[in-house]
Amino acid sequence: MKFVTEIWHPNVDKNGDACISILHEPGEDKYGYEKPEEHWLPIHTVETITISVISMLPDPNGDSPANVDAAKEWREDRNGEFKRKVARCVRKSKRLFHLTSFKLLKLH
């Protein structure tokens, strides 16, 4: 799963790829952080994956971050610099959404 707008989060890498267990290939975790049953299984649906990602957003896994800088800020300055960077990303995303929505409305 990939975020197409910028996001500042410990479990999302700088390319926007979400890093959560449910999206990892089946089998043993080479780093030993995750249990095999936490990885991808054919029983997962779009709904279960979406719920996992939504649950990850307010409660990051700091033990195996995809964005080490965001994880460090989340641990050390959650209500300061981390929160400011998240707010900046949200503002940028909202502007992009409004611009895109306006262009789509104009086309119709």
PDB file of N, CA and C in Angstrom:
ATOM      1  N   MET A   1       0.859  -1.164   0.000  1.00  0.00           N
ATOM      2  CA  MET A   1       0.000   0.000   0.000  1.00  0.00           C
ATOM      3  C   MET A   1       0.902   1.223   0.000  1.00  0.00           C
ATOM      4  N   LYS A   2       0.533   2.192  -0.801  1.00  0.00           N
ATOM      5  CA  LYS A   2       1.372   3.373  -0.976  1.00  0.00           C
ATOM      6  C   LYS A   2       0.543   4.641  -0.773  1.00  0.00           C
ATOM      7  N   PHE A   3       1.113   5.574  -0.027  1.00  0.00           N
ATOM      8  CA  PHE A   3       0.519   6.899   0.117  1.00  0.00           C
ATOM      9  C   PHE A   3       1.025   7.731  -1.057  1.00  0.00           C
ATOM     10  N   VAL A   4       0.123   8.394  -1.759  1.00  0.00           N
ATOM     11  CA  VAL A   4       0.543   9.155  -2.934  1.00  0.00           C
ATOM     12  C   VAL A   4       0.897  10.598  -2.598  1.00  0.00           C
ATOM     13  N   THR A   5       0.508  11.060  -1.428  1.00  0.00           N
ATOM     14  CA  THR A   5       0.939  12.381  -0.972  1.00  0.00           C
ATOM     15  C   THR A   5       1.944  12.180   0.159  1.00  0.00           C
ATOM     16  N   GLU A   6       2.731  13.200   0.405  1.00  0.00           N
ATOM     17  CA  GLU A   6       3.770  13.115   1.439  1.00  0.00           C
ATOM     18  C   GLU A   6       3.146  12.816   2.802  1.00  0.00           C
ATOM     19  N   ILE A   7       3.781  11.924   3.535  1.00  0.00           N
ATOM     20  CA  ILE A   7       3.326  11.587   4.886  1.00  0.00           C
ATOM     21  C   ILE A   7       4.552  11.425   5.773  1.00  0.00           C
ATOM     22  N   TRP A   8       4.482  11.957   6.985  1.00  0.00           N
ATOM     23  CA  TRP A   8       5.570  11.861   7.957  1.00  0.00           C
ATOM     24  C   TRP A   8       5.115  10.898   9.040  1.00  0.00           C
ATOM     25  N   HIS A   9       5.592   9.665   8.949  1.00  0.00           N
ATOM     26  CA  HIS A   9       5.147   8.621   9.867  1.00  0.00           C
ATOM     27  C   HIS A   9       6.248   7.583  10.012  1.00  0.00           C
ATOM     28  N   PRO A  10       6.460   7.064  11.220  1.00  0.00           N
ATOM     29  CA  PRO A  10       7.514   6.065  11.426  1.00  0.00           C
ATOM     30  C   PRO A  10       7.368   4.805  10.574  1.00  0.00           C
ATOM     31  N   ASN A  11       6.153   4.432  10.225  1.00  0.00           N
ATOM     32  CA  ASN A  11       5.943   3.183   9.492  1.00  0.00           C
ATOM     33  C   ASN A  11       5.606   3.385   8.019  1.00  0.00           C
ATOM     34  N   VAL A  12       5.961   4.556   7.503  1.00  0.00           N
ATOM     35  CA  VAL A  12       5.808   4.829   6.074  1.00  0.00           C
ATOM     36  C   VAL A  12       7.150   5.356   5.578  1.00  0.00           C
ATOM     37  N   ASP A  13       7.711   4.683   4.572  1.00  0.00           N
ATOM     38  CA  ASP A  13       9.028   5.122   4.103  1.00  0.00           C
ATOM     39  C   ASP A  13       8.905   6.391   3.266  1.00  0.00           C
ATOM     40  N   LYS A  14      10.041   6.944   2.882  1.00  0.00           N
ATOM     41  CA  LYS A  14      10.041   8.241   2.190  1.00  0.00           C
ATOM     42  C   LYS A  14       9.453   8.163   0.786  1.00  0.00           C
ATOM     43  N   ASN A  15       9.244   6.950   0.273  1.00  0.00           N
ATOM     44  CA  ASN A  15       8.576   6.772  -1.021  1.00  0.00           C
ATOM     45  C   ASN A  15       7.068   6.620  -0.862  1.00  0.00           C
ATOM     46  N   GLY A  16       6.582   6.614   0.384  1.00  0.00           N
ATOM     47  CA  GLY A  16       5.148   6.496   0.642  1.00  0.00           C
ATOM     48  C   GLY A  16       4.658   5.079   0.869  1.00  0.00           C
ATOM     49  N   ASP A  17       5.570   4.109   0.884  1.00  0.00           N
ATOM     50  CA  ASP A  17       5.167   2.718   1.097  1.00  0.00           C
ATOM     51  C   ASP A  17       4.924   2.443   2.577  1.00  0.00           C
ATOM     52  N   ALA A  18       3.734   1.926   2.877  1.00  0.00           N
ATOM     53  CA  ALA A  18       3.399   1.563   4.259  1.00  0.00           C
ATOM     54  C   ALA A  18       4.149   0.291   4.623  1.00  0.00           C
ATOM     55  N   CYS A  19       4.712   0.285   5.810  1.00  0.00           N
ATOM     56  CA  CYS A  19       5.473  -0.872   6.282  1.00  0.00           C
ATOM     57  C   CYS A  19       4.755  -1.456   7.496  1.00  0.00           C
ATOM     58  N   ILE A  20       3.885  -2.423   7.228  1.00  0.00           N
ATOM     59  CA  ILE A  20       3.186  -3.109   8.310  1.00  0.00           C
ATOM     60  C   ILE A  20       3.217  -4.607   8.029  1.00  0.00           C
ATOM     61  N   SER A  21       3.147  -5.371   9.077  1.00  0.00           N
ATOM     62  CA  SER A  21       3.297  -6.828   8.996  1.00  0.00           C
ATOM     63  C   SER A  21       2.367  -7.470   7.986  1.00  0.00           C
ATOM     64  N   ILE A  22       1.120  -7.057   7.969  1.00  0.00           N
ATOM     65  CA  ILE A  22       0.108  -7.697   7.131  1.00  0.00           C
ATOM     66  C   ILE A  22       0.455  -7.613   5.640  1.00  0.00           C
ATOM     67  N   LEU A  23       1.325  -6.662   5.269  1.00  0.00           N
ATOM     68  CA  LEU A  23       1.725  -6.510   3.873  1.00  0.00           C
ATOM     69  C   LEU A  23       3.023  -7.245   3.544  1.00  0.00           C
ATOM     70  N   HIS A  24       3.684  -7.800   4.544  1.00  0.00           N
ATOM     71  CA  HIS A  24       4.948  -8.500   4.311  1.00  0.00           C
ATOM     72  C   HIS A  24       4.710  -9.912   3.804  1.00  0.00           C
ATOM     73  N   GLU A  25       5.651 -10.399   3.008  1.00  0.00           N
ATOM     74  CA  GLU A  25       5.536 -11.748   2.445  1.00  0.00           C
ATOM     75  C   GLU A  25       5.446 -12.786   3.550  1.00  0.00           C
ATOM     76  N   PRO A  26       4.730 -13.883   3.289  1.00  0.00           N
ATOM     77  CA  PRO A  26       4.618 -14.954   4.288  1.00  0.00           C
ATOM     78  C   PRO A  26       5.993 -15.516   4.651  1.00  0.00           C
ATOM     79  N   GLY A  27       6.078 -16.043   5.854  1.00  0.00           N
ATOM     80  CA  GLY A  27       7.319 -16.677   6.289  1.00  0.00           C
ATOM     81  C   GLY A  27       7.941 -15.980   7.479  1.00  0.00           C
ATOM     82  N   GLU A  28       9.134 -16.412   7.806  1.00  0.00           N
ATOM     83  CA  GLU A  28       9.865 -15.871   8.952  1.00  0.00           C
ATOM     84  C   GLU A  28      10.359 -14.459   8.662  1.00  0.00           C
ATOM     85  N   ASP A  29      10.351 -13.617   9.679  1.00  0.00           N
ATOM     86  CA  ASP A  29      10.895 -12.268   9.588  1.00  0.00           C
ATOM     87  C   ASP A  29      12.397 -12.352   9.821  1.00  0.00           C
ATOM     88  N   LYS A  30      13.176 -11.876   8.859  1.00  0.00           N
ATOM     89  CA  LYS A  30      14.629 -12.000   8.984  1.00  0.00           C
ATOM     90  C   LYS A  30      15.199 -11.187  10.143  1.00  0.00           C
ATOM     91  N   TYR A  31      14.440 -10.209  10.649  1.00  0.00           N
ATOM     92  CA  TYR A  31      14.915  -9.408  11.779  1.00  0.00           C
ATOM     93  C   TYR A  31      14.353  -9.876  13.114  1.00  0.00           C
ATOM     94  N   GLY A  32      13.374 -10.768  13.076  1.00  0.00           N
ATOM     95  CA  GLY A  32      12.807 -11.322  14.294  1.00  0.00           C
ATOM     96  C   GLY A  32      11.806 -10.441  15.015  1.00  0.00           C
ATOM     97  N   TYR A  33      11.292  -9.397  14.342  1.00  0.00           N
ATOM     98  CA  TYR A  33      10.323  -8.500  14.980  1.00  0.00           C
ATOM     99  C   TYR A  33       8.890  -9.009  14.872  1.00  0.00           C
ATOM    100  N   GLU A  34       8.617  -9.771  13.819  1.00  0.00           N
ATOM    101  CA  GLU A  34       7.240 -10.150  13.535  1.00  0.00           C
ATOM    102  C   GLU A  34       7.076 -11.665  13.527  1.00  0.00           C
ATOM    103  N   LYS A  35       5.904 -12.089  13.937  1.00  0.00           N
ATOM    104  CA  LYS A  35       5.570 -13.512  13.889  1.00  0.00           C
ATOM    105  C   LYS A  35       5.069 -13.845  12.478  1.00  0.00           C
ATOM    106  N   PRO A  36       5.326 -15.062  11.996  1.00  0.00           N
ATOM    107  CA  PRO A  36       4.865 -15.430  10.648  1.00  0.00           C
ATOM    108  C   PRO A  36       3.359 -15.246  10.454  1.00  0.00           C
ATOM    109  N   GLU A  37       2.579 -15.490  11.497  1.00  0.00           N
ATOM    110  CA  GLU A  37       1.121 -15.356  11.357  1.00  0.00           C
ATOM    111  C   GLU A  37       0.663 -13.900  11.228  1.00  0.00           C
ATOM    112  N   GLU A  38       1.577 -12.946  11.454  1.00  0.00           N
ATOM    113  CA  GLU A  38       1.247 -11.531  11.283  1.00  0.00           C
ATOM    114  C   GLU A  38       1.440 -11.077   9.834  1.00  0.00           C
ATOM    115  N   HIS A  39       2.094 -11.891   9.017  1.00  0.00           N
ATOM    116  CA  HIS A  39       2.377 -11.536   7.629  1.00  0.00           C
ATOM    117  C   HIS A  39       1.179 -11.815   6.732  1.00  0.00           C
ATOM    118  N   TRP A  40       1.355 -11.501   5.469  1.00  0.00           N
ATOM    119  CA  TRP A  40       0.310 -11.685   4.478  1.00  0.00           C
ATOM    120  C   TRP A  40      -0.214 -13.120   4.473  1.00  0.00           C
ATOM    121  N   LEU A  41      -1.517 -13.237   4.436  1.00  0.00           N
ATOM    122  CA  LEU A  41      -2.197 -14.523   4.285  1.00  0.00           C
ATOM    123  C   LEU A  41      -3.315 -14.331   3.259  1.00  0.00           C
ATOM    124  N   PRO A  42      -3.665 -15.363   2.507  1.00  0.00           N
ATOM    125  CA  PRO A  42      -4.724 -15.228   1.496  1.00  0.00           C
ATOM    126  C   PRO A  42      -6.091 -14.849   2.070  1.00  0.00           C
ATOM    127  N   ILE A  43      -6.283 -15.024   3.364  1.00  0.00           N
ATOM    128  CA  ILE A  43      -7.583 -14.674   3.954  1.00  0.00           C
ATOM    129  C   ILE A  43      -7.768 -13.169   4.113  1.00  0.00           C
ATOM    130  N   HIS A  44      -6.677 -12.387   3.980  1.00  0.00           N
ATOM    131  CA  HIS A  44      -6.786 -10.935   4.132  1.00  0.00           C
ATOM    132  C   HIS A  44      -7.546 -10.338   2.955  1.00  0.00           C
ATOM    133  N   THR A  45      -8.336  -9.347   3.278  1.00  0.00           N
ATOM    134  CA  THR A  45      -9.135  -8.660   2.268  1.00  0.00           C
ATOM    135  C   THR A  45      -8.707  -7.203   2.212  1.00  0.00           C
ATOM    136  N   VAL A  46      -9.231  -6.485   1.249  1.00  0.00           N
ATOM    137  CA  VAL A  46      -8.972  -5.048   1.177  1.00  0.00           C
ATOM    138  C   VAL A  46      -9.400  -4.397   2.490  1.00  0.00           C
ATOM    139  N   GLU A  47     -10.507  -4.858   3.042  1.00  0.00           N
ATOM    140  CA  GLU A  47     -11.011  -4.296   4.302  1.00  0.00           C
ATOM    141  C   GLU A  47     -10.037  -4.535   5.456  1.00  0.00           C
ATOM    142  N   THR A  48      -9.521  -5.749   5.617  1.00  0.00           N
ATOM    143  CA  THR A  48      -8.619  -6.023   6.746  1.00  0.00           C
ATOM    144  C   THR A  48      -7.304  -5.259   6.597  1.00  0.00           C
ATOM    145  N   ILE A  49      -6.836  -5.120   5.365  1.00  0.00           N
ATOM    146  CA  ILE A  49      -5.597  -4.366   5.140  1.00  0.00           C
ATOM    147  C   ILE A  49      -5.826  -2.888   5.427  1.00  0.00           C
ATOM    148  N   THR A  50      -6.943  -2.350   4.948  1.00  0.00           N
ATOM    149  CA  THR A  50      -7.260  -0.939   5.195  1.00  0.00           C
ATOM    150  C   THR A  50      -7.398  -0.668   6.688  1.00  0.00           C
ATOM    151  N   ILE A  51      -8.065  -1.545   7.407  1.00  0.00           N
ATOM    152  CA  ILE A  51      -8.205  -1.388   8.859  1.00  0.00           C
ATOM    153  C   ILE A  51      -6.834  -1.413   9.530  1.00  0.00           C
ATOM    154  N   SER A  52      -5.956  -2.289   9.086  1.00  0.00           N
ATOM    155  CA  SER A  52      -4.605  -2.361   9.659  1.00  0.00           C
ATOM    156  C   SER A  52      -3.838  -1.065   9.442  1.00  0.00           C
ATOM    157  N   VAL A  53      -3.928  -0.518   8.239  1.00  0.00           N
ATOM    158  CA  VAL A  53      -3.215   0.730   7.942  1.00  0.00           C
ATOM    159  C   VAL A  53      -3.804   1.879   8.752  1.00  0.00           C
ATOM    160  N   ILE A  54      -5.126   1.971   8.811  1.00  0.00           N
ATOM    161  CA  ILE A  54      -5.770   3.037   9.591  1.00  0.00           C
ATOM    162  C   ILE A  54      -5.395   2.916  11.067  1.00  0.00           C
ATOM    163  N   SER A  55      -5.318   1.706  11.578  1.00  0.00           N
ATOM    164  CA  SER A  55      -4.935   1.485  12.979  1.00  0.00           C
ATOM    165  C   SER A  55      -3.482   1.864  13.234  1.00  0.00           C
ATOM    166  N   MET A  56      -2.635   1.688  12.230  1.00  0.00           N
ATOM    167  CA  MET A  56      -1.215   1.999  12.361  1.00  0.00           C
ATOM    168  C   MET A  56      -0.971   3.504  12.470  1.00  0.00           C
ATOM    169  N   LEU A  57      -1.793   4.301  11.820  1.00  0.00           N
ATOM    170  CA  LEU A  57      -1.523   5.741  11.751  1.00  0.00           C
ATOM    171  C   LEU A  57      -1.406   6.401  13.125  1.00  0.00           C
ATOM    172  N   PRO A  58      -2.364   6.220  14.048  1.00  0.00           N
ATOM    173  CA  PRO A  58      -2.214   6.866  15.357  1.00  0.00           C
ATOM    174  C   PRO A  58      -1.322   6.093  16.327  1.00  0.00           C
ATOM    175  N   ASP A  59      -0.954   4.872  15.975  1.00  0.00           N
ATOM    176  CA  ASP A  59      -0.208   4.015  16.903  1.00  0.00           C
ATOM    177  C   ASP A  59       0.951   3.318  16.178  1.00  0.00           C
ATOM    178  N   PRO A  60       2.010   4.072  15.840  1.00  0.00           N
ATOM    179  CA  PRO A  60       3.112   3.492  15.074  1.00  0.00           C
ATOM    180  C   PRO A  60       3.874   2.421  15.839  1.00  0.00           C
ATOM    181  N   ASN A  61       4.492   1.529  15.078  1.00  0.00           N
ATOM    182  CA  ASN A  61       5.384   0.524  15.641  1.00  0.00           C
ATOM    183  C   ASN A  61       6.797   1.095  15.594  1.00  0.00           C
ATOM    184  N   GLY A  62       7.296   1.522  16.719  1.00  0.00           N
ATOM    185  CA  GLY A  62       8.626   2.118  16.790  1.00  0.00           C
ATOM    186  C   GLY A  62       9.752   1.112  16.792  1.00  0.00           C
ATOM    187  N   ASP A  63       9.428  -0.182  16.924  1.00  0.00           N
ATOM    188  CA  ASP A  63      10.466  -1.213  16.973  1.00  0.00           C
ATOM    189  C   ASP A  63      11.082  -1.502  15.608  1.00  0.00           C
ATOM    190  N   SER A  64      10.313  -1.317  14.556  1.00  0.00           N
ATOM    191  CA  SER A  64      10.853  -1.573  13.215  1.00  0.00           C
ATOM    192  C   SER A  64      10.363  -0.494  12.248  1.00  0.00           C
ATOM    193  N   PRO A  65      10.866   0.734  12.416  1.00  0.00           N
ATOM    194  CA  PRO A  65      10.383   1.838  11.590  1.00  0.00           C
ATOM    195  C   PRO A  65      10.899   1.776  10.153  1.00  0.00           C
ATOM    196  N   ALA A  66      10.081   2.257   9.242  1.00  0.00           N
ATOM    197  CA  ALA A  66      10.492   2.410   7.845  1.00  0.00           C
ATOM    198  C   ALA A  66      11.125   3.781   7.646  1.00  0.00           C
ATOM    199  N   ASN A  67      10.756   4.730   8.496  1.00  0.00           N
ATOM    200  CA  ASN A  67      11.316   6.079   8.466  1.00  0.00           C
ATOM    201  C   ASN A  67      11.936   6.329   9.846  1.00  0.00           C
ATOM    202  N   VAL A  68      13.231   6.108   9.937  1.00  0.00           N
ATOM    203  CA  VAL A  68      13.939   6.202  11.220  1.00  0.00           C
ATOM    204  C   VAL A  68      13.873   7.616  11.786  1.00  0.00           C
ATOM    205  N   ASP A  69      13.967   8.624  10.926  1.00  0.00           N
ATOM    206  CA  ASP A  69      13.920  10.015  11.399  1.00  0.00           C
ATOM    207  C   ASP A  69      12.559  10.340  12.012  1.00  0.00           C
ATOM    208  N   ALA A  70      11.496   9.907  11.361  1.00  0.00           N
ATOM    209  CA  ALA A  70      10.149  10.140  11.906  1.00  0.00           C
ATOM    210  C   ALA A  70       9.967   9.380  13.214  1.00  0.00           C
ATOM    211  N   ALA A  71      10.508   8.165  13.296  1.00  0.00           N
ATOM    212  CA  ALA A  71      10.395   7.370  14.530  1.00  0.00           C
ATOM    213  C   ALA A  71      11.119   8.054  15.682  1.00  0.00           C
ATOM    214  N   LYS A  72      12.294   8.596  15.401  1.00  0.00           N
ATOM    215  CA  LYS A  72      13.068   9.291  16.440  1.00  0.00           C
ATOM    216  C   LYS A  72      12.295  10.511  16.943  1.00  0.00           C
ATOM    217  N   GLU A  73      11.757  11.296  16.021  1.00  0.00           N
ATOM    218  CA  GLU A  73      10.973  12.469  16.426  1.00  0.00           C
ATOM    219  C   GLU A  73       9.711  12.056  17.175  1.00  0.00           C
ATOM    220  N   TRP A  74       9.074  10.983  16.739  1.00  0.00           N
ATOM    221  CA  TRP A  74       7.858  10.520  17.409  1.00  0.00           C
ATOM    222  C   TRP A  74       8.164  10.144  18.855  1.00  0.00           C
ATOM    223  N   ARG A  75       9.309   9.498  19.087  1.00  0.00           N
ATOM    224  CA  ARG A  75       9.700   9.107  20.450  1.00  0.00           C
ATOM    225  C   ARG A  75      10.139  10.302  21.290  1.00  0.00           C
ATOM    226  N   GLU A  76      10.898  11.213  20.698  1.00  0.00           N
ATOM    227  CA  GLU A  76      11.560  12.264  21.475  1.00  0.00           C
ATOM    228  C   GLU A  76      10.841  13.607  21.486  1.00  0.00           C
ATOM    229  N   ASP A  77      10.044  13.911  20.472  1.00  0.00           N
ATOM    230  CA  ASP A  77       9.437  15.239  20.372  1.00  0.00           C
ATOM    231  C   ASP A  77       8.070  15.153  19.682  1.00  0.00           C
ATOM    232  N   ARG A  78       7.265  14.224  20.166  1.00  0.00           N
ATOM    233  CA  ARG A  78       5.974  13.927  19.534  1.00  0.00           C
ATOM    234  C   ARG A  78       5.090  15.161  19.380  1.00  0.00           C
ATOM    235  N   ASN A  79       5.029  15.998  20.409  1.00  0.00           N
ATOM    236  CA  ASN A  79       4.140  17.162  20.366  1.00  0.00           C
ATOM    237  C   ASN A  79       4.812  18.408  19.816  1.00  0.00           C
ATOM    238  N   GLY A  80       6.063  18.295  19.419  1.00  0.00           N
ATOM    239  CA  GLY A  80       6.796  19.428  18.867  1.00  0.00           C
ATOM    240  C   GLY A  80       7.018  19.267  17.375  1.00  0.00           C
ATOM    241  N   GLU A  81       8.277  18.982  17.025  1.00  0.00           N
ATOM    242  CA  GLU A  81       8.665  18.897  15.612  1.00  0.00           C
ATOM    243  C   GLU A  81       7.892  17.822  14.846  1.00  0.00           C
ATOM    244  N   PHE A  82       7.688  16.669  15.459  1.00  0.00           N
ATOM    245  CA  PHE A  82       6.946  15.599  14.785  1.00  0.00           C
ATOM    246  C   PHE A  82       5.548  16.086  14.402  1.00  0.00           C
ATOM    247  N   LYS A  83       4.850  16.675  15.350  1.00  0.00           N
ATOM    248  CA  LYS A  83       3.483  17.151  15.108  1.00  0.00           C
ATOM    249  C   LYS A  83       3.463  18.244  14.032  1.00  0.00           C
ATOM    250  N   ARG A  84       4.474  19.121  14.036  1.00  0.00           N
ATOM    251  CA  ARG A  84       4.548  20.183  13.020  1.00  0.00           C
ATOM    252  C   ARG A  84       4.722  19.592  11.617  1.00  0.00           C
ATOM    253  N   LYS A  85       5.583  18.585  11.505  1.00  0.00           N
ATOM    254  CA  LYS A  85       5.806  17.972  10.191  1.00  0.00           C
ATOM    255  C   LYS A  85       4.552  17.243   9.704  1.00  0.00           C
ATOM    256  N   VAL A  86       3.870  16.574  10.601  1.00  0.00           N
ATOM    257  CA  VAL A  86       2.625  15.894  10.229  1.00  0.00           C
ATOM    258  C   VAL A  86       1.597  16.926   9.758  1.00  0.00           C
ATOM    259  N   ALA A  87       1.463  18.022  10.495  1.00  0.00           N
ATOM    260  CA  ALA A  87       0.503  19.070  10.130  1.00  0.00           C
ATOM    261  C   ALA A  87       0.840  19.670   8.765  1.00  0.00           C
ATOM    262  N   ARG A  88       2.126  19.859   8.483  1.00  0.00           N
ATOM    263  CA  ARG A  88       2.540  20.394   7.184  1.00  0.00           C
ATOM    264  C   ARG A  88       2.142  19.428   6.059  1.00  0.00           C
ATOM    265  N   CYS A  89       2.349  18.142   6.277  1.00  0.00           N
ATOM    266  CA  CYS A  89       1.964  17.138   5.274  1.00  0.00           C
ATOM    267  C   CYS A  89       0.454  17.139   5.052  1.00  0.00           C
ATOM    268  N   VAL A  90      -0.305  17.274   6.122  1.00  0.00           N
ATOM    269  CA  VAL A  90      -1.771  17.306   6.012  1.00  0.00           C
ATOM    270  C   VAL A  90      -2.207  18.530   5.210  1.00  0.00           C
ATOM    271  N   ARG A  91      -1.607  19.685   5.495  1.00  0.00           N
ATOM    272  CA  ARG A  91      -1.956  20.905   4.751  1.00  0.00           C
ATOM    273  C   ARG A  91      -1.666  20.736   3.257  1.00  0.00           C
ATOM    274  N   LYS A  92      -0.493  20.194   2.940  1.00  0.00           N
ATOM    275  CA  LYS A  92      -0.128  19.979   1.538  1.00  0.00           C
ATOM    276  C   LYS A  92      -1.098  19.012   0.866  1.00  0.00           C
ATOM    277  N   SER A  93      -1.464  17.973   1.570  1.00  0.00           N
ATOM    278  CA  SER A  93      -2.382  16.974   1.027  1.00  0.00           C
ATOM    279  C   SER A  93      -3.762  17.585   0.782  1.00  0.00           C
ATOM    280  N   LYS A  94      -4.223  18.404   1.721  1.00  0.00           N
ATOM    281  CA  LYS A  94      -5.528  19.054   1.563  1.00  0.00           C
ATOM    282  C   LYS A  94      -5.531  19.983   0.352  1.00  0.00           C
ATOM    283  N   ARG A  95      -4.447  20.765   0.193  1.00  0.00           N
ATOM    284  CA  ARG A  95      -4.362  21.670  -0.959  1.00  0.00           C
ATOM    285  C   ARG A  95      -4.406  20.878  -2.260  1.00  0.00           C
ATOM    286  N   LEU A  96      -3.652  19.799  -2.307  1.00  0.00           N
ATOM    287  CA  LEU A  96      -3.627  18.968  -3.501  1.00  0.00           C
ATOM    288  C   LEU A  96      -5.011  18.383  -3.775  1.00  0.00           C
ATOM    289  N   PHE A  97      -5.684  17.932  -2.726  1.00  0.00           N
ATOM    290  CA  PHE A  97      -7.031  17.375  -2.878  1.00  0.00           C
ATOM    291  C   PHE A  97      -7.982  18.420  -3.448  1.00  0.00           C
ATOM    292  N   HIS A  98      -7.937  19.638  -2.888  1.00  0.00           N
ATOM    293  CA  HIS A  98      -8.840  20.687  -3.354  1.00  0.00           C
ATOM    294  C   HIS A  98      -8.532  21.075  -4.795  1.00  0.00           C
ATOM    295  N   LEU A  99      -7.258  21.181  -5.152  1.00  0.00           N
ATOM    296  CA  LEU A  99      -6.892  21.513  -6.528  1.00  0.00           C
ATOM    297  C   LEU A  99      -7.354  20.425  -7.487  1.00  0.00           C
ATOM    298  N   THR A 100      -7.123  19.189  -7.121  1.00  0.00           N
ATOM    299  CA  THR A 100      -7.517  18.063  -7.967  1.00  0.00           C
ATOM    300  C   THR A 100      -9.032  17.993  -8.091  1.00  0.00           C
ATOM    301  N   SER A 101      -9.735  18.166  -6.982  1.00  0.00           N
ATOM    302  CA  SER A 101     -11.201  18.118  -7.002  1.00  0.00           C
ATOM    303  C   SER A 101     -11.763  19.221  -7.877  1.00  0.00           C
ATOM    304  N   PHE A 102     -11.194  20.417  -7.769  1.00  0.00           N
ATOM    305  CA  PHE A 102     -11.662  21.551  -8.557  1.00  0.00           C
ATOM    306  C   PHE A 102     -11.468  21.271 -10.046  1.00  0.00           C
ATOM    307  N   LYS A 103     -10.307  20.729 -10.414  1.00  0.00           N
ATOM    308  CA  LYS A 103     -10.049  20.419 -11.822  1.00  0.00           C
ATOM    309  C   LYS A 103     -11.015  19.357 -12.327  1.00  0.00           C
ATOM    310  N   LEU A 104     -11.299  18.365 -11.510  1.00  0.00           N
ATOM    311  CA  LEU A 104     -12.237  17.322 -11.919  1.00  0.00           C
ATOM    312  C   LEU A 104     -13.640  17.888 -12.095  1.00  0.00           C
ATOM    313  N   LEU A 105     -14.034  18.798 -11.200  1.00  0.00           N
ATOM    314  CA  LEU A 105     -15.362  19.405 -11.311  1.00  0.00           C
ATOM    315  C   LEU A 105     -15.465  20.260 -12.569  1.00  0.00           C
ATOM    316  N   LYS A 106     -14.384  20.967 -12.919  1.00  0.00           N
ATOM    317  CA  LYS A 106     -14.390  21.811 -14.108  1.00  0.00           C
ATOM    318  C   LYS A 106     -14.531  20.991 -15.387  1.00  0.00           C
ATOM    319  N   LEU A 107     -14.012  19.777 -15.368  1.00  0.00           N
ATOM    320  CA  LEU A 107     -14.079  18.933 -16.561  1.00  0.00           C
ATOM    321  C   LEU A 107     -15.492  18.451 -16.851  1.00  0.00           C
ATOM    322  N   HIS A 108     -16.327  18.408 -15.862  1.00  0.00           N
ATOM    323  CA  HIS A 108     -17.677  17.855 -16.050  1.00  0.00           C
ATOM    324  C   HIS A 108     -18.679  18.910 -16.302  1.00  0.00           C
TER     325      HIS A 108
END
